[in-house]
Amino acid sequence: MRQELREICAPVLHEVLNHPFWTGLRDGTLPAAALARFVHQDTAYLLPAYARALARCAADAPDDAGARLLGQSVVGTLDARDGLRAAHAALAPGLGLPEPHSVEEPVAPAVAVHAAFFTSSAASSYHAGVGALLPMVWFNAEVSDHLRDHAAPGNRYLPWITAYHPGESYRFAVEAFAELADRLGERSTPAQRRLITTHFTLGIHHELAFADACAAPAARPAGRGAR
């Protein structure tokens, strides 16, 4: 199952890695307001929705291994949310930004749709929920590694890039989710496998549209992406 999903996501992952938001973060040219937008939309709206979808899938998991992984990931997601906020708060003064969350920013339309996608997929079925959850795990690992390994020397965002990386132990979590996908795929009917791949495909395009929503307005055409 994991190989099928990786083949599906490969072209979209390539596009995400080369998106103006992430290339601007890597070379230091990203407007500071775009980073502030990313942190707020991610921590205020997207990650909480993701954590709750994880919890719903954990409750529906057919085996203890799946319930344990998904349940532990709820805590990990919320801890990561708090870490991103702290890292941005430390960096904000040097970038001339207000303290995070001092001005409440409404949810961006694409982010609202992404969050609703997590909620509805997890409520629909375990297979749909797992398919929807997998892209964020895999893309976070790939994007954070690529940022760390290709950031320009002297980049003003280096401290934030370092804080954004979840650490080498995160690879164990990625492998655990891949194993979950393999186990689920082996036990699934053709219709259930289609649920996994369909929601996974939708999820990877939501990841791309999230970058669109956070980028500087001039960087990408408005309304791009499928959310």
C-alpha atoms as a PDB file:
ATOM      1  CA  MET A   1       0.000   0.000   0.000  1.00  0.00           C
ATOM      2  CA  ARG A   2       2.740   2.453   0.912  1.00  0.00           C
ATOM      3  CA  GLN A   3       4.407   2.129  -2.481  1.00  0.00           C
ATOM      4  CA  GLU A   4       1.143   2.838  -4.270  1.00  0.00           C
ATOM      5  CA  LEU A   5       0.589   5.923  -2.123  1.00  0.00           C
ATOM      6  CA  ARG A   6       4.138   7.191  -2.603  1.00  0.00           C
ATOM      7  CA  GLU A   7       3.744   6.918  -6.360  1.00  0.00           C
ATOM      8  CA  ILE A   8       0.528   8.925  -6.133  1.00  0.00           C
ATOM      9  CA  CYS A   9       2.124  11.671  -4.059  1.00  0.00           C
ATOM     10  CA  ALA A  10       5.497  11.978  -5.818  1.00  0.00           C
ATOM     11  CA  PRO A  11       4.574  14.654  -8.409  1.00  0.00           C
ATOM     12  CA  VAL A  12       2.627  16.735  -5.892  1.00  0.00           C
ATOM     13  CA  LEU A  13       5.422  16.484  -3.330  1.00  0.00           C
ATOM     14  CA  HIS A  14       7.833  17.765  -5.989  1.00  0.00           C
ATOM     15  CA  GLU A  15       5.532  20.727  -6.577  1.00  0.00           C
ATOM     16  CA  VAL A  16       5.252  21.420  -2.852  1.00  0.00           C
ATOM     17  CA  LEU A  17       9.030  21.374  -2.361  1.00  0.00           C
ATOM     18  CA  ASN A  18       9.381  23.883  -5.202  1.00  0.00           C
ATOM     19  CA  HIS A  19       6.490  26.066  -4.094  1.00  0.00           C
ATOM     20  CA  PRO A  20       7.362  29.786  -3.619  1.00  0.00           C
ATOM     21  CA  PHE A  21       6.462  29.556   0.066  1.00  0.00           C
ATOM     22  CA  TRP A  22       9.018  26.831   0.801  1.00  0.00           C
ATOM     23  CA  THR A  23      11.687  28.087  -1.629  1.00  0.00           C
ATOM     24  CA  GLY A  24      11.347  31.548  -0.099  1.00  0.00           C
ATOM     25  CA  LEU A  25      11.763  30.092   3.359  1.00  0.00           C
ATOM     26  CA  ARG A  26      14.837  28.150   2.239  1.00  0.00           C
ATOM     27  CA  ASP A  27      16.589  31.135   0.673  1.00  0.00           C
ATOM     28  CA  GLY A  28      15.382  33.761   3.160  1.00  0.00           C
ATOM     29  CA  THR A  29      13.323  35.820   0.701  1.00  0.00           C
ATOM     30  CA  LEU A  30       9.904  34.827   2.053  1.00  0.00           C
ATOM     31  CA  PRO A  31       8.044  37.881   3.389  1.00  0.00           C
ATOM     32  CA  ALA A  32       7.857  37.653   7.156  1.00  0.00           C
ATOM     33  CA  ALA A  33       4.092  38.151   6.997  1.00  0.00           C
ATOM     34  CA  ALA A  34       3.788  34.914   5.017  1.00  0.00           C
ATOM     35  CA  LEU A  35       5.567  32.965   7.756  1.00  0.00           C
ATOM     36  CA  ALA A  36       3.314  34.576  10.361  1.00  0.00           C
ATOM     37  CA  ARG A  37       0.301  33.591   8.266  1.00  0.00           C
ATOM     38  CA  PHE A  38       1.546  30.002   8.025  1.00  0.00           C
ATOM     39  CA  VAL A  39       2.123  29.673  11.770  1.00  0.00           C
ATOM     40  CA  HIS A  40      -1.253  31.129  12.671  1.00  0.00           C
ATOM     41  CA  GLN A  41      -3.289  29.149  10.146  1.00  0.00           C
ATOM     42  CA  ASP A  42      -1.431  25.944  10.995  1.00  0.00           C
ATOM     43  CA  THR A  43      -1.519  26.218  14.778  1.00  0.00           C
ATOM     44  CA  ALA A  44      -4.904  27.868  15.272  1.00  0.00           C
ATOM     45  CA  TYR A  45      -6.918  25.848  12.788  1.00  0.00           C
ATOM     46  CA  LEU A  46      -5.248  23.032  10.885  1.00  0.00           C
ATOM     47  CA  LEU A  47      -3.288  21.142  13.542  1.00  0.00           C
ATOM     48  CA  PRO A  48      -6.186  21.109  16.059  1.00  0.00           C
ATOM     49  CA  ALA A  49      -8.475  19.672  13.360  1.00  0.00           C
ATOM     50  CA  TYR A  50      -5.821  17.103  12.476  1.00  0.00           C
ATOM     51  CA  ALA A  51      -5.447  16.087  16.134  1.00  0.00           C
ATOM     52  CA  ARG A  52      -9.180  15.557  16.494  1.00  0.00           C
ATOM     53  CA  ALA A  53      -9.307  13.491  13.304  1.00  0.00           C
ATOM     54  CA  LEU A  54      -6.477  11.356  14.679  1.00  0.00           C
ATOM     55  CA  ALA A  55      -8.495  10.844  17.858  1.00  0.00           C
ATOM     56  CA  ARG A  56     -11.569   9.811  15.892  1.00  0.00           C
ATOM     57  CA  CYS A  57      -9.572   7.294  13.849  1.00  0.00           C
ATOM     58  CA  ALA A  58      -7.865   5.980  16.997  1.00  0.00           C
ATOM     59  CA  ALA A  59     -11.289   5.225  18.439  1.00  0.00           C
ATOM     60  CA  ASP A  60     -12.254   3.352  15.262  1.00  0.00           C
ATOM     61  CA  ALA A  61      -8.969   1.458  14.820  1.00  0.00           C
ATOM     62  CA  PRO A  62      -9.524  -2.290  14.394  1.00  0.00           C
ATOM     63  CA  ASP A  63      -6.326  -3.235  16.251  1.00  0.00           C
ATOM     64  CA  ASP A  64      -4.350  -2.068  19.262  1.00  0.00           C
ATOM     65  CA  ALA A  65      -1.313  -1.083  17.176  1.00  0.00           C
ATOM     66  CA  GLY A  66      -3.355   1.361  15.136  1.00  0.00           C
ATOM     67  CA  ALA A  67      -5.143   2.747  18.193  1.00  0.00           C
ATOM     68  CA  ARG A  68      -1.820   3.268  19.993  1.00  0.00           C
ATOM     69  CA  LEU A  69      -0.124   4.985  17.056  1.00  0.00           C
ATOM     70  CA  LEU A  70      -3.030   7.280  16.286  1.00  0.00           C
ATOM     71  CA  GLY A  71      -3.688   8.055  19.937  1.00  0.00           C
ATOM     72  CA  GLN A  72      -0.056   8.923  20.634  1.00  0.00           C
ATOM     73  CA  SER A  73      -0.044  11.090  17.536  1.00  0.00           C
ATOM     74  CA  VAL A  74      -2.821  13.244  18.991  1.00  0.00           C
ATOM     75  CA  VAL A  75      -0.487  14.333  21.797  1.00  0.00           C
ATOM     76  CA  GLY A  76       2.442  14.666  19.407  1.00  0.00           C
ATOM     77  CA  THR A  77       0.432  16.913  17.086  1.00  0.00           C
ATOM     78  CA  LEU A  78      -0.676  19.249  19.855  1.00  0.00           C
ATOM     79  CA  ASP A  79       2.843  19.373  21.303  1.00  0.00           C
ATOM     80  CA  ALA A  80       4.188  20.243  17.837  1.00  0.00           C
ATOM     81  CA  ARG A  81       1.569  23.000  17.600  1.00  0.00           C
ATOM     82  CA  ASP A  82       2.813  24.523  20.837  1.00  0.00           C
ATOM     83  CA  GLY A  83       6.433  24.222  19.710  1.00  0.00           C
ATOM     84  CA  LEU A  84       5.746  26.070  16.460  1.00  0.00           C
ATOM     85  CA  ARG A  85       4.066  28.883  18.343  1.00  0.00           C
ATOM     86  CA  ALA A  86       6.992  29.190  20.747  1.00  0.00           C
ATOM     87  CA  ALA A  87       9.553  29.172  17.939  1.00  0.00           C
ATOM     88  CA  HIS A  88       7.702  31.865  16.030  1.00  0.00           C
ATOM     89  CA  ALA A  89       7.262  33.983  19.157  1.00  0.00           C
ATOM     90  CA  ALA A  90      11.027  33.910  19.720  1.00  0.00           C
ATOM     91  CA  LEU A  91      11.732  34.897  16.110  1.00  0.00           C
ATOM     92  CA  ALA A  92       8.978  37.489  15.669  1.00  0.00           C
ATOM     93  CA  PRO A  93      10.738  40.485  17.302  1.00  0.00           C
ATOM     94  CA  GLY A  94      13.736  40.170  15.003  1.00  0.00           C
ATOM     95  CA  LEU A  95      11.425  40.173  11.994  1.00  0.00           C
ATOM     96  CA  GLY A  96       9.428  43.166  13.169  1.00  0.00           C
ATOM     97  CA  LEU A  97       6.240  41.158  13.556  1.00  0.00           C
ATOM     98  CA  PRO A  98       3.639  41.448  16.312  1.00  0.00           C
ATOM     99  CA  GLU A  99       3.560  38.696  18.862  1.00  0.00           C
ATOM    100  CA  PRO A 100       1.733  35.667  17.438  1.00  0.00           C
ATOM    101  CA  HIS A 101      -2.013  35.699  18.084  1.00  0.00           C
ATOM    102  CA  SER A 102      -1.944  39.309  19.349  1.00  0.00           C
ATOM    103  CA  VAL A 103      -4.188  40.032  16.363  1.00  0.00           C
ATOM    104  CA  GLU A 104      -6.707  37.304  15.672  1.00  0.00           C
ATOM    105  CA  GLU A 105      -6.695  36.286  12.020  1.00  0.00           C
ATOM    106  CA  PRO A 106      -9.741  34.490  10.639  1.00  0.00           C
ATOM    107  CA  VAL A 107      -9.327  31.097   9.088  1.00  0.00           C
ATOM    108  CA  ALA A 108      -8.378  31.240   5.406  1.00  0.00           C
ATOM    109  CA  PRO A 109     -10.996  29.647   3.146  1.00  0.00           C
ATOM    110  CA  ALA A 110      -8.610  26.952   1.882  1.00  0.00           C
ATOM    111  CA  VAL A 111      -7.573  26.140   5.449  1.00  0.00           C
ATOM    112  CA  ALA A 112     -11.198  25.889   6.565  1.00  0.00           C
ATOM    113  CA  VAL A 113     -11.836  23.391   3.766  1.00  0.00           C
ATOM    114  CA  HIS A 114      -8.681  21.440   4.669  1.00  0.00           C
ATOM    115  CA  ALA A 115      -9.705  21.243   8.325  1.00  0.00           C
ATOM    116  CA  ALA A 116     -13.223  20.168   7.346  1.00  0.00           C
ATOM    117  CA  PHE A 117     -11.697  17.504   5.099  1.00  0.00           C
ATOM    118  CA  PHE A 118      -9.926  15.961   8.082  1.00  0.00           C
ATOM    119  CA  THR A 119     -13.099  16.023  10.149  1.00  0.00           C
ATOM    120  CA  SER A 120     -15.414  14.626   7.491  1.00  0.00           C
ATOM    121  CA  SER A 121     -12.974  11.933   6.340  1.00  0.00           C
ATOM    122  CA  ALA A 122     -12.429  10.600   9.854  1.00  0.00           C
ATOM    123  CA  ALA A 123     -16.173  10.626  10.489  1.00  0.00           C
ATOM    124  CA  SER A 124     -16.878   8.868   7.192  1.00  0.00           C
ATOM    125  CA  SER A 125     -14.874   5.688   7.782  1.00  0.00           C
ATOM    126  CA  TYR A 126     -11.605   4.430   9.202  1.00  0.00           C
ATOM    127  CA  HIS A 127     -10.209   3.845   5.709  1.00  0.00           C
ATOM    128  CA  ALA A 128     -11.119   7.321   4.511  1.00  0.00           C
ATOM    129  CA  GLY A 129      -9.722   8.830   7.699  1.00  0.00           C
ATOM    130  CA  VAL A 130      -6.367   7.073   7.458  1.00  0.00           C
ATOM    131  CA  GLY A 131      -6.073   8.063   3.796  1.00  0.00           C
ATOM    132  CA  ALA A 132      -6.739  11.679   4.693  1.00  0.00           C
ATOM    133  CA  LEU A 133      -4.281  11.724   7.610  1.00  0.00           C
ATOM    134  CA  LEU A 134      -1.274  10.164   5.896  1.00  0.00           C
ATOM    135  CA  PRO A 135      -0.239  13.092   3.648  1.00  0.00           C
ATOM    136  CA  MET A 136       0.487  15.491   6.495  1.00  0.00           C
ATOM    137  CA  VAL A 137       2.784  12.958   8.186  1.00  0.00           C
ATOM    138  CA  TRP A 138       4.737  12.178   5.025  1.00  0.00           C
ATOM    139  CA  PHE A 139       4.876  15.723   3.670  1.00  0.00           C
ATOM    140  CA  ASN A 140       5.983  17.136   7.020  1.00  0.00           C
ATOM    141  CA  ALA A 141       8.949  14.758   7.078  1.00  0.00           C
ATOM    142  CA  GLU A 142       9.954  15.444   3.473  1.00  0.00           C
ATOM    143  CA  VAL A 143       9.501  19.219   3.643  1.00  0.00           C
ATOM    144  CA  SER A 144      11.283  19.664   6.967  1.00  0.00           C
ATOM    145  CA  ASP A 145      14.233  17.507   5.821  1.00  0.00           C
ATOM    146  CA  HIS A 146      14.470  19.443   2.564  1.00  0.00           C
ATOM    147  CA  LEU A 147      14.388  22.762   4.434  1.00  0.00           C
ATOM    148  CA  ARG A 148      17.135  21.674   6.804  1.00  0.00           C
ATOM    149  CA  ASP A 149      19.350  20.251   4.073  1.00  0.00           C
ATOM    150  CA  HIS A 150      18.960  23.057   1.504  1.00  0.00           C
ATOM    151  CA  ALA A 151      18.581  26.250   3.540  1.00  0.00           C
ATOM    152  CA  ALA A 152      20.866  29.014   2.327  1.00  0.00           C
ATOM    153  CA  PRO A 153      23.786  29.880   4.642  1.00  0.00           C
ATOM    154  CA  GLY A 154      23.023  33.009   6.645  1.00  0.00           C
ATOM    155  CA  ASN A 155      19.299  32.694   5.963  1.00  0.00           C
ATOM    156  CA  ARG A 156      17.435  34.802   8.536  1.00  0.00           C
ATOM    157  CA  TYR A 157      14.942  31.952   8.984  1.00  0.00           C
ATOM    158  CA  LEU A 158      17.534  29.339   9.995  1.00  0.00           C
ATOM    159  CA  PRO A 159      16.528  29.364  13.693  1.00  0.00           C
ATOM    160  CA  TRP A 160      12.908  28.771  12.767  1.00  0.00           C
ATOM    161  CA  ILE A 161      13.818  26.066  10.222  1.00  0.00           C
ATOM    162  CA  THR A 162      15.787  24.289  12.943  1.00  0.00           C
ATOM    163  CA  ALA A 163      12.865  24.525  15.346  1.00  0.00           C
ATOM    164  CA  TYR A 164      10.391  23.436  12.659  1.00  0.00           C
ATOM    165  CA  HIS A 165      12.222  20.172  12.014  1.00  0.00           C
ATOM    166  CA  PRO A 166      10.611  17.438  14.159  1.00  0.00           C
ATOM    167  CA  GLY A 167      13.903  15.613  14.773  1.00  0.00           C
ATOM    168  CA  GLU A 168      15.361  12.371  13.494  1.00  0.00           C
ATOM    169  CA  SER A 169      13.006  10.334  15.682  1.00  0.00           C
ATOM    170  CA  TYR A 170      10.124  11.534  13.510  1.00  0.00           C
ATOM    171  CA  ARG A 171      11.251   9.049  10.875  1.00  0.00           C
ATOM    172  CA  PHE A 172      10.084   6.291  13.218  1.00  0.00           C
ATOM    173  CA  ALA A 173       6.615   7.866  13.229  1.00  0.00           C
ATOM    174  CA  VAL A 174       6.611   8.059   9.422  1.00  0.00           C
ATOM    175  CA  GLU A 175       7.583   4.388   9.212  1.00  0.00           C
ATOM    176  CA  ALA A 176       4.880   3.479  11.716  1.00  0.00           C
ATOM    177  CA  PHE A 177       2.238   5.229   9.603  1.00  0.00           C
ATOM    178  CA  ALA A 178       3.560   3.487   6.483  1.00  0.00           C
ATOM    179  CA  GLU A 179       3.259   0.138   8.269  1.00  0.00           C
ATOM    180  CA  LEU A 180      -0.280   1.086   9.317  1.00  0.00           C
ATOM    181  CA  ALA A 181      -1.127   1.769   5.672  1.00  0.00           C
ATOM    182  CA  ASP A 182       0.365  -1.575   4.608  1.00  0.00           C
ATOM    183  CA  ARG A 183      -1.565  -3.520   7.254  1.00  0.00           C
ATOM    184  CA  LEU A 184      -4.785  -1.767   6.396  1.00  0.00           C
ATOM    185  CA  GLY A 185      -4.298  -2.281   2.678  1.00  0.00           C
ATOM    186  CA  GLU A 186      -3.716  -6.017   3.139  1.00  0.00           C
ATOM    187  CA  ARG A 187      -6.957  -6.392   5.074  1.00  0.00           C
ATOM    188  CA  SER A 188      -9.083  -4.183   2.840  1.00  0.00           C
ATOM    189  CA  THR A 189     -11.526  -4.931   0.076  1.00  0.00           C
ATOM    190  CA  PRO A 190     -10.950  -3.239  -3.301  1.00  0.00           C
ATOM    191  CA  ALA A 191     -13.595  -0.670  -2.392  1.00  0.00           C
ATOM    192  CA  GLN A 192     -11.867   0.085   0.927  1.00  0.00           C
ATOM    193  CA  ARG A 193      -8.496   0.469  -0.806  1.00  0.00           C
ATOM    194  CA  ARG A 194     -10.111   2.973  -3.156  1.00  0.00           C
ATOM    195  CA  LEU A 195     -11.300   4.938  -0.133  1.00  0.00           C
ATOM    196  CA  ILE A 196      -7.731   5.107   1.150  1.00  0.00           C
ATOM    197  CA  THR A 197      -6.236   6.195  -2.177  1.00  0.00           C
ATOM    198  CA  THR A 198      -9.038   8.639  -2.984  1.00  0.00           C
ATOM    199  CA  HIS A 199      -8.750  10.467   0.332  1.00  0.00           C
ATOM    200  CA  PHE A 200      -4.966  10.319   0.190  1.00  0.00           C
ATOM    201  CA  THR A 201      -5.044  11.937  -3.250  1.00  0.00           C
ATOM    202  CA  LEU A 202      -7.362  14.665  -2.000  1.00  0.00           C
ATOM    203  CA  GLY A 203      -5.128  15.151   1.029  1.00  0.00           C
ATOM    204  CA  ILE A 204      -1.928  15.741  -0.937  1.00  0.00           C
ATOM    205  CA  HIS A 205      -3.640  18.439  -2.985  1.00  0.00           C
ATOM    206  CA  HIS A 206      -4.809  20.062   0.236  1.00  0.00           C
ATOM    207  CA  GLU A 207      -1.152  20.184   1.321  1.00  0.00           C
ATOM    208  CA  LEU A 208      -0.294  22.078  -1.853  1.00  0.00           C
ATOM    209  CA  ALA A 209      -3.246  24.425  -1.481  1.00  0.00           C
ATOM    210  CA  PHE A 210      -2.219  25.146   2.123  1.00  0.00           C
ATOM    211  CA  ALA A 211       1.120  26.468   0.866  1.00  0.00           C
ATOM    212  CA  ASP A 212      -0.802  28.593  -1.640  1.00  0.00           C
ATOM    213  CA  ALA A 213      -2.938  30.029   1.150  1.00  0.00           C
ATOM    214  CA  CYS A 214       0.089  30.991   3.243  1.00  0.00           C
ATOM    215  CA  ALA A 215       2.331  32.363   0.491  1.00  0.00           C
ATOM    216  CA  ALA A 216       2.601  36.059  -0.210  1.00  0.00           C
ATOM    217  CA  PRO A 217      -0.435  37.091  -2.312  1.00  0.00           C
ATOM    218  CA  ALA A 218       1.691  37.834  -5.377  1.00  0.00           C
ATOM    219  CA  ALA A 219       3.501  34.498  -5.291  1.00  0.00           C
ATOM    220  CA  ARG A 220       0.690  32.283  -6.580  1.00  0.00           C
ATOM    221  CA  PRO A 221      -2.603  32.804  -8.437  1.00  0.00           C
ATOM    222  CA  ALA A 222      -5.602  33.139  -6.162  1.00  0.00           C
ATOM    223  CA  GLY A 223      -7.829  30.098  -5.891  1.00  0.00           C
ATOM    224  CA  ARG A 224      -5.236  27.568  -7.002  1.00  0.00           C
ATOM    225  CA  GLY A 225      -5.395  24.012  -5.730  1.00  0.00           C
ATOM    226  CA  ALA A 226      -8.114  21.533  -4.864  1.00  0.00           C
ATOM    227  CA  ARG A 227      -9.310  21.737  -1.317  1.00  0.00           C
END
